[in-house]
Amino acid sequence: MSPLLSPTVAAQAGASVEAPPGALPAASASATRSGSTAAVRVTPAQQARLDAALRDHEAGRLAAAQRAFEALARERVPAALHNLAVMHLQGELADADPAAAERLLGQAARLGFVTSMFTLGLGHEIGAFGRRDLVRAHDWYERAARAGSVEAQVAMGTAHFLGRGRPRDAAAAAAWYLAAARAGDVGAMYLIASMYEAGDGVDRDLRLARYWYAAAAREGDPAAAGKVQELDARAATTPG
């Protein structure tokens, strides 16, 4: 699932898709890069306690980390709620409970913590809380996407593109992929380029297709670089 979050993340305003500085390694291949924003401001003293709890966790002092996160969770510190939920999901607590993890993530999400919104979506998608539920997963992904999570925007694009957890809607897929591409997601750049090239969900526009393929190519996507060459060659042989 999601890595634990460094305390500096809890104090940030605005969402990001980058892994937070000091984040712990993810627990599984399904883990996400995550960003966060919270409506609740963390005091310097709370941040220092979060920092200490994270160091305890990194050092394997799980009981100390748990106690600190639980105390901060009672103070409605979103990162503490999230981190405690992740400890439940990673089986690091004697009473580890997926239902408790879902409840804690829900509390953090309702406080505006975007990382928890995304993690709830992921949890429902992979069945971390019990039965897989793609509709509920994408309800949370959509909340995270609208709050600025680029990964969630990609997830929503894919949901609409495939008709998985949301109705098949190429125009909606294109809108979400475009939002993620504008935020710098390389995969979304390639996908929206291909949709402009094919006229799938958007008007066919080879100029915009080339623009987004080139953007992805500049970020190191070799397939996108090949598509730029292909479109340039096609344009060179097209009369006037």
Protein backbone atom coordinates (compact mmCIF):
# COMPACT_ATOMS: atom_id res chain seq x y z
CA MET A 1 0.00 0.00 0.00
CA SER A 2 1.08 3.56 0.57
CA PRO A 3 4.34 4.44 2.31
CA LEU A 4 4.37 6.28 5.59
CA LEU A 5 4.63 10.02 5.24
CA SER A 6 7.28 12.31 6.58
CA PRO A 7 5.92 15.03 8.87
CA THR A 8 6.83 17.80 6.45
CA VAL A 9 4.14 16.50 4.11
CA ALA A 10 1.45 17.17 6.69
CA ALA A 11 2.37 20.83 6.80
CA GLN A 12 2.31 21.34 3.04
CA ALA A 13 -0.54 23.08 1.26
CA GLY A 14 -1.28 21.92 -2.26
CA ALA A 15 -1.17 18.45 -3.77
CA SER A 16 1.81 16.79 -5.36
CA VAL A 17 2.44 13.45 -7.01
CA GLU A 18 6.03 13.14 -5.88
CA ALA A 19 6.92 10.70 -3.13
CA PRO A 20 7.33 12.74 0.03
CA PRO A 21 10.86 13.27 1.33
CA GLY A 22 11.69 10.63 3.93
CA ALA A 23 8.82 8.34 2.94
CA LEU A 24 9.29 4.71 3.91
CA PRO A 25 9.54 2.05 1.20
CA ALA A 26 6.21 0.83 -0.09
CA ALA A 27 4.85 -2.43 1.21
CA SER A 28 4.02 -4.01 -2.13
CA ALA A 29 4.23 -3.64 -5.88
CA SER A 30 0.79 -2.05 -5.75
CA ALA A 31 2.15 0.87 -3.79
CA THR A 32 1.76 4.37 -5.04
CA ARG A 33 3.72 7.52 -5.27
CA SER A 34 1.60 9.92 -3.30
CA GLY A 35 1.02 13.55 -2.60
CA SER A 36 -0.96 15.23 0.07
CA THR A 37 -2.66 18.32 1.31
CA ALA A 38 -4.47 18.79 4.57
CA ALA A 39 -6.97 21.33 5.81
CA VAL A 40 -5.58 20.94 9.35
CA ARG A 41 -2.35 22.79 10.04
CA VAL A 42 0.31 20.95 12.02
CA THR A 43 2.06 22.87 14.78
CA PRO A 44 5.86 22.81 15.03
CA ALA A 45 5.58 20.68 18.16
CA GLN A 46 3.34 18.17 16.41
CA GLN A 47 5.68 18.10 13.45
CA ALA A 48 8.61 17.34 15.73
CA ARG A 49 6.66 14.45 17.26
CA LEU A 50 5.77 13.13 13.81
CA ASP A 51 9.42 13.32 12.84
CA ALA A 52 10.42 11.38 15.93
CA ALA A 53 7.73 8.76 15.28
CA LEU A 54 8.95 8.28 11.74
CA ARG A 55 12.51 7.81 12.99
CA ASP A 56 11.21 5.21 15.45
CA HIS A 57 9.49 3.40 12.61
CA GLU A 58 12.57 3.50 10.41
CA ALA A 59 14.62 2.06 13.28
CA GLY A 60 12.13 -0.77 13.82
CA ARG A 61 10.78 0.62 17.08
CA LEU A 62 7.23 -0.10 15.99
CA ALA A 63 5.59 0.07 19.41
CA ALA A 64 7.01 3.53 20.03
CA ALA A 65 5.95 4.67 16.56
CA GLN A 66 2.46 3.28 17.14
CA ARG A 67 2.09 5.10 20.46
CA ALA A 68 3.20 8.38 18.93
CA PHE A 69 0.95 8.07 15.89
CA GLU A 70 -2.02 7.12 18.08
CA ALA A 71 -1.48 10.16 20.31
CA LEU A 72 -1.24 12.47 17.30
CA ALA A 73 -4.23 10.80 15.69
CA ARG A 74 -6.28 11.73 18.73
CA GLU A 75 -5.26 15.32 17.98
CA ARG A 76 -6.62 14.89 14.42
CA VAL A 77 -3.22 15.19 12.76
CA PRO A 78 -3.89 13.82 9.25
CA ALA A 79 -0.42 12.36 8.61
CA ALA A 80 -0.58 10.45 11.91
CA LEU A 81 -3.99 9.01 11.02
CA HIS A 82 -2.63 8.00 7.63
CA ASN A 83 0.59 6.49 9.00
CA LEU A 84 -1.27 4.53 11.66
CA ALA A 85 -3.58 3.16 8.96
CA VAL A 86 -0.57 2.09 6.89
CA MET A 87 0.87 0.26 9.90
CA HIS A 88 -2.42 -1.65 10.13
CA LEU A 89 -2.29 -2.50 6.44
CA GLN A 90 1.34 -3.58 6.61
CA GLY A 91 0.60 -5.91 9.53
CA GLU A 92 2.97 -4.05 11.83
CA LEU A 93 0.56 -3.90 14.77
CA ALA A 94 -0.42 -6.72 17.11
CA ASP A 95 -4.07 -5.88 16.47
CA ALA A 96 -3.67 -5.05 12.77
CA ASP A 97 -7.12 -4.63 11.27
CA PRO A 98 -7.99 -3.62 7.70
CA ALA A 99 -11.31 -2.18 8.91
CA ALA A 100 -9.45 0.07 11.35
CA ALA A 101 -7.13 1.13 8.54
CA GLU A 102 -10.10 2.08 6.38
CA ARG A 103 -11.64 4.06 9.23
CA LEU A 104 -8.40 5.95 9.92
CA LEU A 105 -7.85 6.71 6.24
CA GLY A 106 -11.41 7.98 6.02
CA GLN A 107 -10.80 10.34 8.91
CA ALA A 108 -7.64 11.68 7.28
CA ALA A 109 -9.38 12.00 3.93
CA ARG A 110 -12.22 13.98 5.46
CA LEU A 111 -9.59 16.32 6.88
CA GLY A 112 -8.44 16.94 3.31
CA PHE A 113 -5.48 14.54 3.18
CA VAL A 114 -5.24 13.67 -0.50
CA THR A 115 -2.83 10.78 0.01
CA SER A 116 -5.43 9.05 2.15
CA MET A 117 -8.10 9.61 -0.50
CA PHE A 118 -5.87 7.90 -3.06
CA THR A 119 -4.95 5.09 -0.67
CA LEU A 120 -8.64 4.42 0.00
CA GLY A 121 -9.16 4.15 -3.74
CA LEU A 122 -6.24 1.76 -4.08
CA GLY A 123 -7.40 -0.27 -1.10
CA HIS A 124 -10.87 -0.77 -2.53
CA GLU A 125 -9.41 -1.56 -5.95
CA ILE A 126 -7.13 -4.35 -4.69
CA GLY A 127 -9.40 -5.59 -1.91
CA ALA A 128 -7.21 -4.49 1.01
CA PHE A 129 -10.29 -3.78 3.15
CA GLY A 130 -12.16 -6.92 2.15
CA ARG A 131 -14.12 -7.38 -1.06
CA ARG A 132 -12.84 -5.49 -4.10
CA ASP A 133 -15.16 -2.63 -5.01
CA LEU A 134 -14.23 -0.74 -8.16
CA VAL A 135 -17.08 1.75 -7.86
CA ARG A 136 -16.06 2.79 -4.34
CA ALA A 137 -12.42 2.77 -5.41
CA HIS A 138 -13.12 5.27 -8.14
CA ASP A 139 -15.32 7.38 -5.89
CA TRP A 140 -12.17 7.94 -3.81
CA TYR A 141 -9.92 8.25 -6.84
CA GLU A 142 -12.21 10.95 -8.18
CA ARG A 143 -12.09 12.89 -4.91
CA ALA A 144 -8.30 12.67 -4.94
CA ALA A 145 -8.13 13.62 -8.61
CA ARG A 146 -10.27 16.70 -8.09
CA ALA A 147 -8.04 17.64 -5.15
CA GLY A 148 -4.97 17.51 -7.40
CA SER A 149 -3.58 13.96 -7.21
CA VAL A 150 -2.05 13.27 -10.60
CA GLU A 151 -1.99 9.51 -10.02
CA ALA A 152 -5.71 9.66 -9.29
CA GLN A 153 -6.29 11.67 -12.46
CA VAL A 154 -4.57 8.90 -14.44
CA ALA A 155 -6.67 6.31 -12.61
CA MET A 156 -9.85 8.17 -13.51
CA GLY A 157 -8.76 8.46 -17.14
CA THR A 158 -8.14 4.72 -17.28
CA ALA A 159 -11.45 3.97 -15.55
CA HIS A 160 -13.38 5.90 -18.18
CA PHE A 161 -11.22 4.62 -21.04
CA LEU A 162 -11.78 0.98 -20.10
CA GLY A 163 -15.23 1.29 -18.54
CA ARG A 164 -13.81 -0.12 -15.31
CA GLY A 165 -15.37 1.33 -12.17
CA ARG A 166 -16.89 4.10 -14.27
CA PRO A 167 -18.93 4.12 -17.50
CA ARG A 168 -16.91 3.92 -20.71
CA ASP A 169 -16.54 7.57 -21.75
CA ALA A 170 -13.69 8.47 -24.08
CA ALA A 171 -14.24 12.21 -23.66
CA ALA A 172 -14.02 11.95 -19.87
CA ALA A 173 -10.94 9.75 -20.20
CA ALA A 174 -9.28 12.32 -22.43
CA ALA A 175 -10.10 15.14 -20.00
CA TRP A 176 -8.51 13.30 -17.08
CA TYR A 177 -5.46 12.24 -19.09
CA LEU A 178 -5.01 15.81 -20.29
CA ALA A 179 -5.15 17.11 -16.71
CA ALA A 180 -2.49 14.58 -15.67
CA ALA A 181 -0.36 15.34 -18.73
CA ARG A 182 -0.43 19.04 -17.95
CA ALA A 183 0.75 18.18 -14.44
CA GLY A 184 3.73 16.30 -15.85
CA ASP A 185 2.72 12.63 -15.93
CA VAL A 186 4.65 11.07 -18.82
CA GLY A 187 2.30 8.15 -19.34
CA ALA A 188 -0.65 10.53 -19.54
CA MET A 189 1.24 12.62 -22.09
CA TYR A 190 1.58 9.59 -24.34
CA LEU A 191 -2.03 8.51 -23.83
CA ILE A 192 -3.54 11.90 -24.61
CA ALA A 193 -1.26 12.16 -27.64
CA SER A 194 -2.57 8.84 -28.93
CA MET A 195 -6.14 10.00 -28.37
CA TYR A 196 -5.51 13.18 -30.37
CA GLU A 197 -3.88 11.09 -33.08
CA ALA A 198 -6.85 8.73 -33.31
CA GLY A 199 -9.60 11.26 -32.59
CA ASP A 200 -10.74 9.16 -29.65
CA GLY A 201 -12.72 11.27 -27.19
CA VAL A 202 -11.33 14.46 -28.72
CA ASP A 203 -11.25 15.98 -32.19
CA ARG A 204 -8.44 14.46 -34.24
CA ASP A 205 -5.53 16.88 -34.12
CA LEU A 206 -2.11 15.72 -35.28
CA ARG A 207 -0.51 18.98 -34.16
CA LEU A 208 -1.60 18.37 -30.57
CA ALA A 209 -0.73 14.68 -30.89
CA ARG A 210 2.81 15.65 -31.89
CA TYR A 211 3.00 18.22 -29.09
CA TRP A 212 2.22 15.65 -26.40
CA TYR A 213 4.34 12.89 -27.95
CA ALA A 214 7.24 15.36 -28.01
CA ALA A 215 6.59 16.31 -24.39
CA ALA A 216 6.71 12.64 -23.39
CA ALA A 217 9.83 12.12 -25.50
CA ARG A 218 11.60 14.96 -23.71
CA GLU A 219 10.88 13.13 -20.46
CA GLY A 220 12.62 10.03 -21.79
CA ASP A 221 9.79 7.97 -23.32
CA PRO A 222 11.41 6.17 -26.29
CA ALA A 223 8.09 5.10 -27.81
CA ALA A 224 6.97 8.73 -27.82
CA ALA A 225 10.17 9.74 -29.61
CA GLY A 226 9.37 7.18 -32.28
CA LYS A 227 5.87 8.59 -32.68
CA VAL A 228 7.27 12.09 -33.18
CA GLN A 229 9.47 10.78 -35.99
CA GLU A 230 6.51 8.92 -37.49
CA LEU A 231 4.26 12.00 -37.46
CA ASP A 232 7.04 14.19 -38.88
CA ALA A 233 7.65 11.70 -41.70
CA ARG A 234 3.93 11.54 -42.42
CA ALA A 235 3.69 15.33 -42.52
CA ALA A 236 6.67 15.56 -44.87
CA THR A 237 4.96 13.31 -47.42
CA THR A 238 1.52 14.90 -47.12
CA PRO A 239 0.80 17.38 -49.93
CA GLY A 240 0.38 21.05 -48.89
